[in-house]
Each structure stands twice: as structure tokens, then as C-alpha cells.
Amino acid sequence: MKIPFEDKYRFQEKIDLVLKINYSSSLIAIIFGLVCLFFLEIKEIIPYTFFGYALLNLLNTVLYTKHRNLILCYNVTSIVSMVGATIITIYSGGIQSPFLFVLAIVVFSGYVITMVYGQIYLIINLLVIAVLFIYDLSDYKISQNLVPEASKSWFALGSALYAVYLLGVVLGKNLLKAHHKLYKSRNEIQQRIDEKEILLKEVHHRVKNNLQTVSSLLSLQSRTIADEKISNIIKSSQNRVVSMAMVHEMLYKRDDYLSKIEVKPYIKELTEYLVRSVKGSSSNVKVDLNVEENKLSIDTVIPLGLIINETITNALKYGISDDKGGGITLSLKKLADNRYELYLGDDGKGYSENFDPKNAKSLGLKLIYNLTRQLRGTIARDLSKKGTYYRIEFEEIVEDFNAIE
């Protein structure tokens, strides 16, 4: 699995930052150790702790080039830094040591890597400071301040410069640099996303226009044919095209057209169009809609719209007479496990009890059953009511595709 571009960039920035901290802190530790040894007359454990820290840190950094495990490299650096800073703090005044504030850099570095590591090292260092405070108050001493009285001010200055340089120059400067690079990269990515969104919106617009053109051609063709049966077949095909065009129209009009489609307004608009198309604007057909507020993918909405188109068209043409009128019922609700139930039908003439829709020659009925299978669903007639009613259970379909790289 490939790491997304932005994640790879951020990961590389963290690698660069950790390596720069390791090299810089090791170099400064060597310099500080030499200053303590030759200029501040600090002869015992403090300068050798600086040298030991620098050696271990450089070794850890070199080993990273072999194992390439950033988390391991960072944790070794943090542990070595924390132990070294604690030892120097203990032997340079304890809780009153100016080197105590270097422990804060370990915590800050932890938050640079992840929130979890930052919190872990924050708790550890707070415990270390608490222990140092209790140790300073107690009468039991295992160490003494090894910094000569004449060198305390210079040691404090060196400790402050060490902490400020690491925190301000190494961490701060590199974090700011990484932030600017990430900001620039994010703007470039957003610009490409905007371009692709505009292109995709244009695609939906053109698909909708092409489908409407096909619909208009079918409408013109149906008017020129004298045979009413053939004209009705062409009219049915026109309605199927319109039901698909409505999906792309809704995607084009929405600001968040990349997301799923709200089925309630789509079904309402589709049913109103079908009633007008088949029965005219002054029909006495009542439509009872009970559709929950759900959003479905385009791969689900298009076959679902075609099922509704075929069912309502059959009801308006063959089930509900122009004289008596009638009603159409349609409900859609969500079930468990990302499945849905569509219940629709009419209170018209209906079929005979021995009628088998699966073996019928009607293209509309065949489409209903085939589209239900496409939605991985099941279909059953409700024989308890007068007319023709179907209960269809289906699941949302989301087609996966591989991006071209």
C-alpha cells in the first residue's frame, strides 16, 4: 500500500528534524563538555556525561541509516537525553540547577513526533522533577554540586544558551521551515483537487446534457411515429434516460457533488415527473411518499431510480385508469448492516394471482428484477393488498476503482 503524498512528506520532515536535532545536540554537547572540562574547572562526571551523550546519540543516528526505524531512533535519543540531563542536573545543583530546563526540550521533541510520545515524556519528566525536589528537601544525599562556586554563573549561562539554541534555532527554525513547506505543498495539493473537482463537475454537466439530448431525440421520434405501441416504447425509453439524467443534474447543482446523493428530493422529483409525463399535469393520481433522509452512492441511486421508473410507469399505464384515478405508495427506509427496504406499488387493477412476473415478456418487469439483482437485493410481491406492490430489500453499492498514477 502506498503512503499518500502528504503523509510521506510529513514523515520525511519528521525524519529530517530528528536527525538535525541529534547532530546539533551532539555537537553542542561536545563543545559544552570541553568548556566545562578546560574552562570551568568541572573535572568529574558532568563533562563526561556530555561526551557520553554525544557519543551514544551519534551512534544511534548512524544506526538509523541501517534500520530506518524513526520511532526507535527517536526514543533512544529521548531516553539518552533524559538520563543525561537528569545526571547533569543532579550533579550541578539538583532542583536549583540551571540545566533542569533542558528536560523540557525532551517533552517538546516528543510532541513534535506524536501527541502520545509527548504526553508520555511529559509525565516522566514531571515525575523526575518531583523526585529531584523531594531529594533536595531530604537530608539523604548521594551527590554534591560539582560546579565550582566561581563557575556557577558561567555554567548557568552555558546551560541557558544550550537550551535556547536547541529550542529556538534547531527545533523552532526547522519546525517553521517544515511548516512553510507543508503549507506550500498543501496549497498545491488543494489547487490540484480544485481543478479535478471542476473537471468532474463539468463531466456531470456534460453527461446530463448528453442524456437530455438523447431524451429530446426520443421525444421527437415518438411524435413522428403513428404506431401507438412503438411510440409508447420510445416514451418509456425516454423516461429511463431522464431518470439517469436527474442524478447527474443533482450532482452538478450540489456544492458537495462529490458526496452521496440525497434520495428523498431525487425520488420526489422523479415521481412527479413520471406522473406528469404519463398522466399529464391535471391527473387525479395521488402519490404517498415516505422516504427517510438518506444519502446513497451514484452506483446505487441510478439502478434504484430505474426500478422506481419502471414500477411507477407500469402503475400509471396499466394499473391506474384515467377515469377512477388511484394512488401510488412509495417508502424507503434503512435497515441494519447497510441495507435498505423499498416498498412501492399502486392500488390499481393489479395482476392475477397466478401471474409470474419472472416469466413475463414485459421489458419493464425484467428490468425491475435484473436491477434488483444488481443491487444485491431480493424482491417479493405483497399479495395482501389490492393492486400491485413490491417489497425490495437491497444494499448500497459502491464501486471501487484504481486511480491512474
Protein backbone atom coordinates (compact mmCIF):
# COMPACT_ATOMS: atom_id res chain seq x y z
CA MET A 1 0.00 0.00 0.00
CA LYS A 2 1.37 3.37 -0.97
CA ILE A 3 1.58 6.20 1.54
CA PRO A 4 -0.34 9.32 0.42
CA PHE A 5 1.83 12.15 -0.82
CA GLU A 6 1.12 14.50 2.08
CA ASP A 7 1.77 11.76 4.68
CA LYS A 8 5.09 10.83 3.04
CA TYR A 9 6.09 14.48 3.02
CA ARG A 10 5.26 14.97 6.69
CA PHE A 11 7.07 11.74 7.62
CA GLN A 12 10.20 12.88 5.76
CA GLU A 13 10.05 16.22 7.55
CA LYS A 14 9.99 14.41 10.91
CA ILE A 15 12.99 12.31 9.85
CA ASP A 16 14.95 15.40 8.85
CA LEU A 17 14.03 17.18 12.08
CA VAL A 18 15.07 14.26 14.33
CA LEU A 19 18.40 13.86 12.52
CA LYS A 20 19.15 17.59 12.73
CA ILE A 21 18.35 17.60 16.45
CA ASN A 22 20.62 14.59 17.00
CA TYR A 23 23.57 16.05 15.13
CA SER A 24 23.16 19.56 16.58
CA SER A 25 22.65 18.45 20.18
CA SER A 26 25.63 16.06 19.95
CA LEU A 27 27.92 18.78 18.61
CA ILE A 28 26.81 21.30 21.24
CA ALA A 29 27.17 18.66 23.98
CA ILE A 30 30.79 18.04 22.94
CA ILE A 31 31.51 21.78 22.94
CA PHE A 32 29.80 22.26 26.32
CA GLY A 33 31.70 19.31 27.76
CA LEU A 34 35.03 20.74 26.59
CA VAL A 35 34.13 24.13 28.06
CA CYS A 36 33.27 22.51 31.40
CA LEU A 37 36.46 20.47 31.40
CA PHE A 38 39.00 23.10 30.37
CA PHE A 39 37.47 26.47 31.22
CA LEU A 40 35.01 25.96 34.08
CA GLU A 41 37.22 23.57 36.06
CA ILE A 42 34.46 20.94 36.22
CA LYS A 43 36.55 17.77 36.24
CA GLU A 44 34.25 14.91 37.23
CA ILE A 45 31.02 13.33 35.91
CA ILE A 46 29.40 16.35 34.23
CA PRO A 47 31.73 16.81 31.20
CA TYR A 48 31.96 13.04 30.67
CA THR A 49 28.17 12.81 30.68
CA PHE A 50 28.15 15.36 27.85
CA PHE A 51 30.71 13.29 25.92
CA GLY A 52 28.86 10.04 26.60
CA TYR A 53 25.57 11.56 25.48
CA ALA A 54 27.14 12.87 22.28
CA LEU A 55 28.76 9.51 21.50
CA LEU A 56 25.58 7.48 22.10
CA ASN A 57 23.46 9.95 20.19
CA LEU A 58 25.76 9.92 17.16
CA LEU A 59 25.89 6.12 17.27
CA ASN A 60 22.09 5.99 17.42
CA THR A 61 21.86 8.34 14.43
CA VAL A 62 24.30 6.24 12.40
CA LEU A 63 22.36 3.07 13.23
CA TYR A 64 19.17 4.71 11.98
CA THR A 65 20.64 4.73 8.46
CA LYS A 66 20.69 0.92 8.75
CA HIS A 67 17.34 0.06 10.35
CA ARG A 68 15.34 3.15 9.18
CA ASN A 69 13.05 2.96 12.20
CA LEU A 70 12.33 6.56 13.14
CA ILE A 71 10.37 5.78 16.30
CA LEU A 72 13.20 3.60 17.65
CA CYS A 73 15.76 6.29 16.81
CA TYR A 74 13.68 9.00 18.47
CA ASN A 75 13.01 7.00 21.64
CA VAL A 76 16.68 6.08 22.07
CA THR A 77 17.60 9.76 21.64
CA SER A 78 14.92 10.85 24.13
CA ILE A 79 15.91 8.28 26.76
CA VAL A 80 19.62 9.10 26.41
CA SER A 81 18.82 12.83 26.56
CA MET A 82 16.59 12.44 29.60
CA VAL A 83 19.08 10.28 31.51
CA GLY A 84 21.99 12.56 30.61
CA ALA A 85 20.10 15.73 31.54
CA THR A 86 18.98 14.17 34.83
CA ILE A 87 22.56 13.16 35.77
CA ILE A 88 23.93 16.62 34.93
CA THR A 89 21.07 18.24 36.86
CA ILE A 90 21.71 16.11 39.94
CA TYR A 91 25.44 16.95 39.98
CA SER A 92 25.02 20.65 39.21
CA GLY A 93 22.62 21.73 41.95
CA GLY A 94 19.60 19.41 41.77
CA ILE A 95 16.26 21.19 41.63
CA GLN A 96 18.14 24.53 41.57
CA SER A 97 20.35 23.53 38.64
CA PRO A 98 20.07 25.77 35.56
CA PHE A 99 20.37 22.63 33.41
CA LEU A 100 16.98 21.42 34.67
CA PHE A 101 15.15 23.25 31.86
CA VAL A 102 16.81 21.05 29.23
CA LEU A 103 14.34 18.34 30.27
CA ALA A 104 11.59 20.48 28.72
CA ILE A 105 13.23 20.04 25.30
CA VAL A 106 12.72 16.28 25.54
CA VAL A 107 9.00 16.85 26.12
CA PHE A 108 8.79 19.37 23.29
CA SER A 109 10.52 16.95 20.92
CA GLY A 110 8.04 14.25 21.90
CA TYR A 111 5.10 16.39 20.84
CA VAL A 112 6.84 17.06 17.52
CA ILE A 113 6.83 13.33 16.77
CA THR A 114 3.38 12.36 18.08
CA MET A 115 0.92 13.52 20.71
CA VAL A 116 1.26 10.18 22.52
CA TYR A 117 5.05 10.38 22.93
CA GLY A 118 4.79 13.99 24.04
CA GLN A 119 2.36 13.05 26.80
CA ILE A 120 4.49 10.07 27.88
CA TYR A 121 7.68 12.11 28.21
CA LEU A 122 5.78 14.95 29.85
CA ILE A 123 4.61 12.63 32.62
CA ILE A 124 8.08 11.04 33.00
CA ASN A 125 9.84 14.40 33.24
CA LEU A 126 7.30 15.77 35.69
CA LEU A 127 7.98 12.74 37.88
CA VAL A 128 11.74 13.31 37.54
CA ILE A 129 11.35 16.94 38.63
CA ALA A 130 9.17 15.88 41.56
CA VAL A 131 11.77 13.33 42.65
CA LEU A 132 14.55 15.93 42.36
CA PHE A 133 12.52 18.31 44.51
CA ILE A 134 11.89 15.69 47.20
CA TYR A 135 15.56 14.67 47.08
CA ASP A 136 16.62 18.30 47.54
CA LEU A 137 14.42 18.61 50.65
CA SER A 138 15.65 15.40 52.21
CA ASP A 139 18.73 15.00 54.38
CA TYR A 140 19.90 11.95 52.49
CA LYS A 141 22.42 12.92 49.78
CA ILE A 142 24.23 10.69 47.31
CA SER A 143 25.70 13.53 45.27
CA GLN A 144 27.02 17.04 45.56
CA ASN A 145 27.20 20.10 43.38
CA LEU A 146 30.34 19.60 41.31
CA VAL A 147 30.24 23.08 39.75
CA PRO A 148 32.82 25.33 41.47
CA GLU A 149 31.46 28.48 43.04
CA ALA A 150 33.43 30.66 40.61
CA SER A 151 31.99 28.80 37.60
CA LYS A 152 28.31 28.67 38.58
CA SER A 153 27.35 31.83 36.69
CA TRP A 154 29.21 30.66 33.57
CA PHE A 155 27.66 27.19 33.83
CA ALA A 156 24.22 28.79 34.13
CA LEU A 157 24.93 30.88 31.03
CA GLY A 158 26.09 27.81 29.12
CA SER A 159 23.03 25.84 30.19
CA ALA A 160 20.72 28.68 29.11
CA LEU A 161 22.48 29.03 25.75
CA TYR A 162 22.35 25.25 25.26
CA ALA A 163 18.60 25.11 25.92
CA VAL A 164 17.77 28.26 23.94
CA TYR A 165 19.84 27.17 20.94
CA LEU A 166 18.26 23.72 20.80
CA LEU A 167 14.76 25.01 21.40
CA GLY A 168 14.93 28.14 19.27
CA VAL A 169 17.41 27.51 16.49
CA VAL A 170 17.30 23.76 15.96
CA LEU A 171 13.68 22.92 16.85
CA GLY A 172 12.00 26.27 16.22
CA LYS A 173 13.75 27.14 12.98
CA ASN A 174 13.31 23.69 11.46
CA LEU A 175 9.70 23.45 12.56
CA LEU A 176 8.96 26.80 10.95
CA LYS A 177 10.74 25.70 7.78
CA ALA A 178 8.78 22.45 7.72
CA HIS A 179 5.55 24.36 8.33
CA HIS A 180 6.19 26.64 5.35
CA LYS A 181 6.99 23.68 3.11
CA LEU A 182 3.89 21.82 4.27
CA TYR A 183 1.74 24.92 3.78
CA LYS A 184 3.07 25.36 0.26
CA SER A 185 2.59 21.67 -0.52
CA ARG A 186 -0.94 21.72 0.88
CA ASN A 187 -1.83 24.71 -1.28
CA GLU A 188 -0.51 22.91 -4.36
CA ILE A 189 -2.49 19.79 -3.48
CA GLN A 190 -5.64 21.83 -2.84
CA GLN A 191 -5.18 23.57 -6.19
CA ARG A 192 -4.98 20.22 -7.98
CA ILE A 193 -8.04 18.98 -6.07
CA ASP A 194 -9.99 22.10 -7.08
CA GLU A 195 -9.02 21.57 -10.71
CA LYS A 196 -10.15 17.94 -10.60
CA GLU A 197 -13.40 18.92 -8.86
CA ILE A 198 -14.14 21.49 -11.58
CA LEU A 199 -13.35 18.88 -14.22
CA LEU A 200 -15.59 16.30 -12.53
CA LYS A 201 -18.38 18.83 -12.22
CA GLU A 202 -18.05 19.58 -15.91
CA VAL A 203 -18.22 15.85 -16.63
CA HIS A 204 -21.51 15.57 -14.69
CA HIS A 205 -22.81 18.60 -16.55
CA ARG A 206 -21.93 17.16 -19.94
CA VAL A 207 -23.32 13.73 -19.12
CA LYS A 208 -26.56 15.37 -18.01
CA ASN A 209 -26.71 17.45 -21.21
CA ASN A 210 -26.00 14.42 -23.39
CA LEU A 211 -28.71 12.39 -21.66
CA GLN A 212 -31.15 15.27 -22.05
CA THR A 213 -30.24 15.45 -25.74
CA VAL A 214 -30.98 11.73 -26.10
CA SER A 215 -34.25 12.26 -24.22
CA SER A 216 -35.23 15.09 -26.58
CA LEU A 217 -34.41 12.98 -29.63
CA LEU A 218 -36.52 10.11 -28.30
CA SER A 219 -39.37 12.52 -27.63
CA LEU A 220 -39.22 13.89 -31.16
CA GLN A 221 -39.01 10.38 -32.56
CA SER A 222 -42.08 9.23 -30.62
CA ARG A 223 -44.14 12.11 -32.02
CA THR A 224 -43.37 11.15 -35.61
CA ILE A 225 -44.46 7.52 -35.23
CA ALA A 226 -48.09 6.71 -35.89
CA ASP A 227 -47.99 3.32 -34.22
CA GLU A 228 -49.02 3.99 -30.62
CA LYS A 229 -47.36 0.83 -29.29
CA ILE A 230 -43.95 1.76 -30.70
CA SER A 231 -44.42 5.36 -29.60
CA ASN A 232 -45.06 4.18 -26.03
CA ILE A 233 -41.93 2.02 -26.12
CA ILE A 234 -39.86 5.02 -27.16
CA LYS A 235 -41.55 7.14 -24.49
CA SER A 236 -40.62 4.54 -21.85
CA SER A 237 -37.01 4.64 -23.00
CA GLN A 238 -37.11 8.43 -22.73
CA ASN A 239 -38.26 8.20 -19.11
CA ARG A 240 -35.41 5.81 -18.32
CA VAL A 241 -32.92 8.27 -19.76
CA VAL A 242 -34.47 11.14 -17.77
CA SER A 243 -34.24 9.18 -14.51
CA MET A 244 -30.46 8.86 -15.06
CA ALA A 245 -30.09 12.46 -16.18
CA MET A 246 -31.71 13.66 -12.94
CA VAL A 247 -28.92 12.02 -10.93
CA HIS A 248 -26.21 13.94 -12.79
CA GLU A 249 -28.29 17.11 -12.58
CA MET A 250 -28.41 16.82 -8.79
CA LEU A 251 -24.67 16.13 -8.63
CA TYR A 252 -23.98 19.17 -10.80
CA LYS A 253 -26.14 21.53 -8.75
CA ARG A 254 -24.82 20.49 -5.34
CA ASP A 255 -21.76 22.18 -3.85
CA ASP A 256 -20.67 18.86 -2.37
CA TYR A 257 -21.46 16.90 -5.51
CA LEU A 258 -18.61 14.52 -4.77
CA SER A 259 -20.54 13.11 -1.83
CA LYS A 260 -23.54 10.82 -1.91
CA ILE A 261 -26.91 11.79 -3.33
CA GLU A 262 -29.87 12.67 -1.13
CA VAL A 263 -32.51 10.17 -2.23
CA LYS A 264 -35.57 11.98 -0.83
CA PRO A 265 -35.55 15.00 -3.19
CA TYR A 266 -34.45 12.78 -6.08
CA ILE A 267 -37.35 10.32 -5.63
CA LYS A 268 -39.82 13.18 -5.17
CA GLU A 269 -38.67 14.90 -8.35
CA LEU A 270 -38.65 11.62 -10.30
CA THR A 271 -42.16 10.56 -9.26
CA GLU A 272 -43.59 14.00 -10.01
CA TYR A 273 -42.01 13.93 -13.48
CA LEU A 274 -43.35 10.42 -14.23
CA VAL A 275 -46.91 11.34 -13.22
CA ARG A 276 -46.80 14.45 -15.42
CA SER A 277 -45.20 12.54 -18.28
CA VAL A 278 -47.72 9.67 -18.34
CA LYS A 279 -50.93 11.18 -16.95
CA GLY A 280 -50.47 14.88 -17.62
CA SER A 281 -50.39 17.84 -15.25
CA SER A 282 -54.11 17.56 -14.30
CA SER A 283 -54.18 13.90 -13.25
CA ASN A 284 -56.09 12.53 -10.26
CA VAL A 285 -53.24 10.30 -9.12
CA LYS A 286 -52.16 10.67 -5.51
CA VAL A 287 -48.58 9.88 -4.57
CA ASP A 288 -47.82 8.89 -0.98
CA LEU A 289 -44.09 9.25 -0.33
CA ASN A 290 -42.45 8.18 2.90
CA VAL A 291 -38.71 8.43 2.25
CA GLU A 292 -36.19 8.77 5.04
CA GLU A 293 -33.35 11.26 4.86
CA ASN A 294 -30.59 9.05 3.46
CA LYS A 295 -27.68 9.55 1.12
CA LEU A 296 -26.69 6.83 -1.31
CA SER A 297 -23.91 6.44 -3.85
CA ILE A 298 -24.48 7.10 -7.55
CA ASP A 299 -23.90 3.37 -8.20
CA THR A 300 -26.97 2.69 -6.05
CA VAL A 301 -29.19 5.63 -6.99
CA ILE A 302 -29.16 5.03 -10.77
CA PRO A 303 -30.47 1.42 -10.66
CA LEU A 304 -32.79 2.40 -7.81
CA GLY A 305 -34.18 5.24 -9.93
CA LEU A 306 -34.69 2.88 -12.87
CA ILE A 307 -36.60 0.45 -10.62
CA ILE A 308 -38.85 3.29 -9.43
CA ASN A 309 -39.26 4.47 -13.01
CA GLU A 310 -40.37 1.05 -14.29
CA THR A 311 -42.68 0.37 -11.36
CA ILE A 312 -44.43 3.74 -11.40
CA THR A 313 -44.63 3.80 -15.20
CA ASN A 314 -46.32 0.36 -15.22
CA ALA A 315 -48.69 1.52 -12.48
CA LEU A 316 -49.66 4.67 -14.36
CA LYS A 317 -50.07 2.91 -17.71
CA TYR A 318 -51.73 -0.35 -16.76
CA GLY A 319 -52.79 -0.25 -13.10
CA ILE A 320 -54.46 3.14 -12.59
CA SER A 321 -57.22 4.09 -15.01
CA ASP A 322 -57.74 7.67 -16.12
CA ASP A 323 -61.38 7.68 -15.01
CA LYS A 324 -61.15 6.29 -11.49
CA GLY A 325 -57.69 7.53 -10.63
CA GLY A 326 -55.73 5.93 -7.84
CA GLY A 327 -52.80 6.16 -5.53
CA ILE A 328 -49.13 5.27 -5.61
CA THR A 329 -47.27 4.37 -2.43
CA LEU A 330 -43.51 4.58 -2.09
CA SER A 331 -41.43 4.24 1.06
CA LEU A 332 -37.71 3.85 1.59
CA LYS A 333 -36.10 3.14 4.93
CA LYS A 334 -32.73 1.99 6.18
CA LEU A 335 -32.30 -1.43 7.73
CA ALA A 336 -29.38 -2.92 9.60
CA ASP A 337 -26.00 -3.78 8.03
CA ASN A 338 -26.14 -1.01 5.44
CA ARG A 339 -29.24 -2.47 3.78
CA TYR A 340 -32.41 -0.66 2.73
CA GLU A 341 -36.05 -1.54 2.09
CA LEU A 342 -38.01 -0.07 -0.81
CA TYR A 343 -41.76 -0.62 -0.71
CA LEU A 344 -43.72 0.68 -3.68
CA GLY A 345 -46.80 -0.04 -5.71
CA ASP A 346 -50.29 1.13 -6.68
CA ASP A 347 -53.88 0.35 -5.73
CA GLY A 348 -54.96 -0.18 -9.33
CA LYS A 349 -56.08 -3.28 -11.21
CA GLY A 350 -53.08 -5.42 -10.31
CA TYR A 351 -52.17 -8.82 -11.74
CA SER A 352 -53.93 -12.10 -11.44
CA GLU A 353 -52.82 -14.35 -8.57
CA ASN A 354 -51.28 -16.92 -10.92
CA PHE A 355 -49.24 -14.29 -12.77
CA ASP A 356 -45.47 -14.89 -12.59
CA PRO A 357 -43.52 -11.64 -13.17
CA LYS A 358 -40.26 -13.52 -13.61
CA ASN A 359 -41.55 -15.24 -16.74
CA ALA A 360 -43.32 -12.19 -18.14
CA LYS A 361 -42.31 -10.84 -21.53
CA SER A 362 -42.52 -7.20 -20.36
CA LEU A 363 -39.19 -5.42 -20.59
CA GLY A 364 -40.12 -3.24 -17.62
CA LEU A 365 -40.68 -6.21 -15.29
CA LYS A 366 -37.47 -7.87 -16.45
CA LEU A 367 -35.62 -4.66 -15.72
CA ILE A 368 -37.05 -4.47 -12.22
CA TYR A 369 -35.84 -7.98 -11.35
CA ASN A 370 -32.45 -7.57 -13.05
CA LEU A 371 -31.79 -4.21 -11.39
CA THR A 372 -32.71 -5.70 -8.01
CA ARG A 373 -30.08 -8.39 -8.51
CA GLN A 374 -27.62 -5.66 -9.50
CA LEU A 375 -28.26 -4.08 -6.09
CA ARG A 376 -27.64 -7.46 -4.45
CA GLY A 377 -31.22 -7.42 -3.30
CA THR A 378 -34.36 -9.50 -3.10
CA ILE A 379 -37.82 -8.71 -4.41
CA ALA A 380 -41.21 -10.02 -3.35
CA ARG A 381 -44.79 -9.10 -4.22
CA ASP A 382 -47.12 -8.08 -1.42
CA LEU A 383 -50.36 -10.01 -2.14
CA SER A 384 -52.12 -8.78 0.99
CA LYS A 385 -53.19 -5.52 -0.64
CA LYS A 386 -55.33 -4.71 -3.64
CA GLY A 387 -53.25 -3.70 -6.63
CA THR A 388 -49.55 -4.33 -7.26
CA TYR A 389 -46.99 -3.80 -4.52
CA TYR A 390 -43.34 -4.81 -4.29
CA ARG A 391 -41.07 -5.08 -1.30
CA ILE A 392 -37.43 -4.81 -2.35
CA GLU A 393 -34.55 -5.21 0.04
CA PHE A 394 -31.16 -4.10 -1.28
CA GLU A 395 -27.75 -2.87 -0.18
CA GLU A 396 -25.75 0.20 -1.07
CA ILE A 397 -23.31 -0.40 -3.91
CA VAL A 398 -20.03 1.47 -4.05
CA GLU A 399 -17.85 0.51 -6.98
CA ASP A 400 -14.12 0.65 -6.24
CA PHE A 401 -11.72 1.83 -8.90
CA ASN A 402 -7.97 2.14 -9.16
CA ALA A 403 -6.55 5.61 -9.72
CA ILE A 404 -4.19 6.10 -12.64
CA GLU A 405 -0.75 7.09 -11.42
